[in-house]
Amino acid sequence: MLSIEDYISRRKKEDKLNEFDIDARTQNMKICVDYIFEYFTNYLNITEAEEKTILHNEKLEKYCKQLKEYEPEVREWAVGIYNECGKQIHKHVGTIMKKNEFFFLYNAESEFRNASYDCY
């Protein structure tokens, strides 16, 4: 897809628009504004971008529903990571916890910190 700068540049060349002609300044500005409207109307596919956003939001909602057993703060944190990175962090954390059979016996902050480094 053309950027707006490329589109305007191309249109100015096609129409042989002399933007430095002082006498036609007002007319040239109107023509350039028309180029911008043409670009947003004809070349920028907003519906495609909206569809991607809707699809992404649906994925986030679906993932959030998978985390219903977690506290709201944990859900929000995990969904935020999924939104940014596309990774379902709860699966990674669960795998690490299963590998470490003593995780539920941790009581020192240093033990939790070491486990968090494994997740990270």
C-alpha atoms as a PDB file:
ATOM      1  CA  MET A   1       0.000   0.000   0.000  1.00  0.00           C
ATOM      2  CA  LEU A   2       1.240   3.487  -0.816  1.00  0.00           C
ATOM      3  CA  SER A   3       1.979   5.893   1.999  1.00  0.00           C
ATOM      4  CA  ILE A   4       0.118   9.161   1.879  1.00  0.00           C
ATOM      5  CA  GLU A   5       3.345  11.001   1.025  1.00  0.00           C
ATOM      6  CA  ASP A   6       4.008   8.714  -1.931  1.00  0.00           C
ATOM      7  CA  TYR A   7       0.412   9.015  -3.102  1.00  0.00           C
ATOM      8  CA  ILE A   8       0.438  12.825  -3.021  1.00  0.00           C
ATOM      9  CA  SER A   9       3.818  12.931  -4.730  1.00  0.00           C
ATOM     10  CA  ARG A  10       2.577  10.607  -7.479  1.00  0.00           C
ATOM     11  CA  ARG A  11      -0.612  12.603  -7.979  1.00  0.00           C
ATOM     12  CA  LYS A  12       1.303  15.907  -8.190  1.00  0.00           C
ATOM     13  CA  LYS A  13       3.519  14.430 -10.912  1.00  0.00           C
ATOM     14  CA  GLU A  14       0.521  13.011 -12.803  1.00  0.00           C
ATOM     15  CA  ASP A  15      -1.280  16.358 -12.723  1.00  0.00           C
ATOM     16  CA  LYS A  16       1.947  18.339 -13.313  1.00  0.00           C
ATOM     17  CA  LEU A  17       1.100  20.442 -10.278  1.00  0.00           C
ATOM     18  CA  ASN A  18       3.571  23.272  -9.677  1.00  0.00           C
ATOM     19  CA  GLU A  19       3.345  23.788  -5.933  1.00  0.00           C
ATOM     20  CA  PHE A  20       5.703  26.770  -6.138  1.00  0.00           C
ATOM     21  CA  ASP A  21       3.403  28.814  -8.388  1.00  0.00           C
ATOM     22  CA  ILE A  22       2.381  31.693  -6.117  1.00  0.00           C
ATOM     23  CA  ASP A  23      -0.500  32.771  -8.349  1.00  0.00           C
ATOM     24  CA  ALA A  24      -2.135  29.328  -8.137  1.00  0.00           C
ATOM     25  CA  ARG A  25      -1.416  28.803  -4.433  1.00  0.00           C
ATOM     26  CA  THR A  26      -5.055  28.616  -3.300  1.00  0.00           C
ATOM     27  CA  GLN A  27      -6.023  26.297  -6.143  1.00  0.00           C
ATOM     28  CA  ASN A  28      -2.980  24.074  -5.501  1.00  0.00           C
ATOM     29  CA  MET A  29      -3.844  23.775  -1.801  1.00  0.00           C
ATOM     30  CA  LYS A  30      -7.391  22.734  -2.689  1.00  0.00           C
ATOM     31  CA  ILE A  31      -6.042  20.129  -5.120  1.00  0.00           C
ATOM     32  CA  CYS A  32      -3.677  18.738  -2.464  1.00  0.00           C
ATOM     33  CA  VAL A  33      -6.518  18.513   0.063  1.00  0.00           C
ATOM     34  CA  ASP A  34      -8.502  16.630  -2.578  1.00  0.00           C
ATOM     35  CA  TYR A  35      -5.556  14.224  -2.944  1.00  0.00           C
ATOM     36  CA  ILE A  36      -5.706  13.536   0.787  1.00  0.00           C
ATOM     37  CA  PHE A  37      -9.440  12.809   0.669  1.00  0.00           C
ATOM     38  CA  GLU A  38      -8.918  10.540  -2.350  1.00  0.00           C
ATOM     39  CA  TYR A  39      -6.201   8.654  -0.498  1.00  0.00           C
ATOM     40  CA  PHE A  40      -8.339   8.013   2.569  1.00  0.00           C
ATOM     41  CA  THR A  41     -11.398   7.193   0.488  1.00  0.00           C
ATOM     42  CA  ASN A  42      -9.878   4.964  -2.174  1.00  0.00           C
ATOM     43  CA  TYR A  43      -6.516   3.639  -1.057  1.00  0.00           C
ATOM     44  CA  LEU A  44      -6.637   3.201   2.667  1.00  0.00           C
ATOM     45  CA  ASN A  45      -8.569   0.056   3.512  1.00  0.00           C
ATOM     46  CA  ILE A  46     -10.009   0.960   6.886  1.00  0.00           C
ATOM     47  CA  THR A  47     -12.373  -2.011   6.991  1.00  0.00           C
ATOM     48  CA  GLU A  48      -9.425  -4.417   6.789  1.00  0.00           C
ATOM     49  CA  ALA A  49      -7.747  -2.686   9.727  1.00  0.00           C
ATOM     50  CA  GLU A  50     -11.013  -2.700  11.674  1.00  0.00           C
ATOM     51  CA  GLU A  51     -11.505  -6.415  10.958  1.00  0.00           C
ATOM     52  CA  LYS A  52      -8.004  -7.172  12.250  1.00  0.00           C
ATOM     53  CA  THR A  53      -8.706  -5.159  15.398  1.00  0.00           C
ATOM     54  CA  ILE A  54     -12.023  -6.943  15.960  1.00  0.00           C
ATOM     55  CA  LEU A  55     -10.383 -10.331  15.415  1.00  0.00           C
ATOM     56  CA  HIS A  56      -7.577  -9.441  17.830  1.00  0.00           C
ATOM     57  CA  ASN A  57     -10.075  -8.289  20.465  1.00  0.00           C
ATOM     58  CA  GLU A  58     -12.029 -11.535  20.065  1.00  0.00           C
ATOM     59  CA  LYS A  59      -8.818 -13.507  20.657  1.00  0.00           C
ATOM     60  CA  LEU A  60      -8.119 -11.479  23.795  1.00  0.00           C
ATOM     61  CA  GLU A  61     -11.648 -12.100  25.107  1.00  0.00           C
ATOM     62  CA  LYS A  62     -11.373 -15.822  24.380  1.00  0.00           C
ATOM     63  CA  TYR A  63      -8.029 -15.997  26.186  1.00  0.00           C
ATOM     64  CA  CYS A  64      -9.455 -14.050  29.126  1.00  0.00           C
ATOM     65  CA  LYS A  65     -12.286 -16.601  29.402  1.00  0.00           C
ATOM     66  CA  GLN A  66      -9.696 -19.391  29.564  1.00  0.00           C
ATOM     67  CA  LEU A  67      -8.267 -17.689  32.648  1.00  0.00           C
ATOM     68  CA  LYS A  68     -11.549 -17.457  34.586  1.00  0.00           C
ATOM     69  CA  GLU A  69     -10.122 -19.502  37.475  1.00  0.00           C
ATOM     70  CA  TYR A  70      -7.445 -16.855  38.143  1.00  0.00           C
ATOM     71  CA  GLU A  71      -7.767 -13.661  40.151  1.00  0.00           C
ATOM     72  CA  PRO A  72      -8.711 -10.545  38.129  1.00  0.00           C
ATOM     73  CA  GLU A  73      -5.241  -8.994  38.579  1.00  0.00           C
ATOM     74  CA  VAL A  74      -3.542 -12.144  37.283  1.00  0.00           C
ATOM     75  CA  ARG A  75      -5.985 -12.357  34.371  1.00  0.00           C
ATOM     76  CA  GLU A  76      -5.302  -8.745  33.444  1.00  0.00           C
ATOM     77  CA  TRP A  77      -1.528  -9.321  33.630  1.00  0.00           C
ATOM     78  CA  ALA A  78      -1.663 -12.484  31.497  1.00  0.00           C
ATOM     79  CA  VAL A  79      -3.991 -10.910  28.906  1.00  0.00           C
ATOM     80  CA  GLY A  80      -1.659  -7.898  28.726  1.00  0.00           C
ATOM     81  CA  ILE A  81       1.274 -10.186  27.918  1.00  0.00           C
ATOM     82  CA  TYR A  82      -0.835 -12.036  25.348  1.00  0.00           C
ATOM     83  CA  ASN A  83      -1.851  -8.718  23.810  1.00  0.00           C
ATOM     84  CA  GLU A  84       1.764  -7.520  23.523  1.00  0.00           C
ATOM     85  CA  CYS A  85       3.619 -10.753  22.756  1.00  0.00           C
ATOM     86  CA  GLY A  86       1.024 -13.261  21.598  1.00  0.00           C
ATOM     87  CA  LYS A  87       2.166 -15.737  24.263  1.00  0.00           C
ATOM     88  CA  GLN A  88      -0.139 -17.533  26.663  1.00  0.00           C
ATOM     89  CA  ILE A  89       2.008 -17.064  29.743  1.00  0.00           C
ATOM     90  CA  HIS A  90      -0.160 -19.208  32.030  1.00  0.00           C
ATOM     91  CA  LYS A  91       0.911 -22.282  30.067  1.00  0.00           C
ATOM     92  CA  HIS A  92       4.595 -21.467  30.532  1.00  0.00           C
ATOM     93  CA  VAL A  93       4.141 -20.791  34.238  1.00  0.00           C
ATOM     94  CA  GLY A  94       2.193 -24.044  34.636  1.00  0.00           C
ATOM     95  CA  THR A  95       4.923 -26.035  32.882  1.00  0.00           C
ATOM     96  CA  ILE A  96       7.619 -24.554  35.102  1.00  0.00           C
ATOM     97  CA  MET A  97       5.562 -25.219  38.229  1.00  0.00           C
ATOM     98  CA  LYS A  98       5.049 -28.850  37.203  1.00  0.00           C
ATOM     99  CA  LYS A  99       8.790 -29.287  36.685  1.00  0.00           C
ATOM    100  CA  ASN A 100       9.489 -27.940  40.163  1.00  0.00           C
ATOM    101  CA  GLU A 101       7.742 -30.290  42.565  1.00  0.00           C
ATOM    102  CA  PHE A 102       8.640 -28.138  45.584  1.00  0.00           C
ATOM    103  CA  PHE A 103       7.159 -24.883  44.248  1.00  0.00           C
ATOM    104  CA  PHE A 104       4.184 -24.960  46.615  1.00  0.00           C
ATOM    105  CA  LEU A 105       6.569 -25.321  49.550  1.00  0.00           C
ATOM    106  CA  TYR A 106       8.430 -22.080  48.783  1.00  0.00           C
ATOM    107  CA  ASN A 107       8.179 -19.445  51.487  1.00  0.00           C
ATOM    108  CA  ALA A 108      11.186 -17.214  50.877  1.00  0.00           C
ATOM    109  CA  GLU A 109      11.168 -14.336  48.438  1.00  0.00           C
ATOM    110  CA  SER A 110      14.461 -15.513  46.934  1.00  0.00           C
ATOM    111  CA  GLU A 111      12.892 -18.889  46.067  1.00  0.00           C
ATOM    112  CA  PHE A 112      10.005 -17.196  44.255  1.00  0.00           C
ATOM    113  CA  ARG A 113      12.434 -14.845  42.522  1.00  0.00           C
ATOM    114  CA  ASN A 114      14.482 -17.784  41.210  1.00  0.00           C
ATOM    115  CA  ALA A 115      11.319 -19.445  39.921  1.00  0.00           C
ATOM    116  CA  SER A 116      10.250 -16.179  38.261  1.00  0.00           C
ATOM    117  CA  TYR A 117      13.604 -16.029  36.445  1.00  0.00           C
ATOM    118  CA  ASP A 118      12.832 -19.465  34.987  1.00  0.00           C
ATOM    119  CA  CYS A 119       9.508 -18.108  33.701  1.00  0.00           C
ATOM    120  CA  TYR A 120      11.121 -15.005  32.307  1.00  0.00           C
END
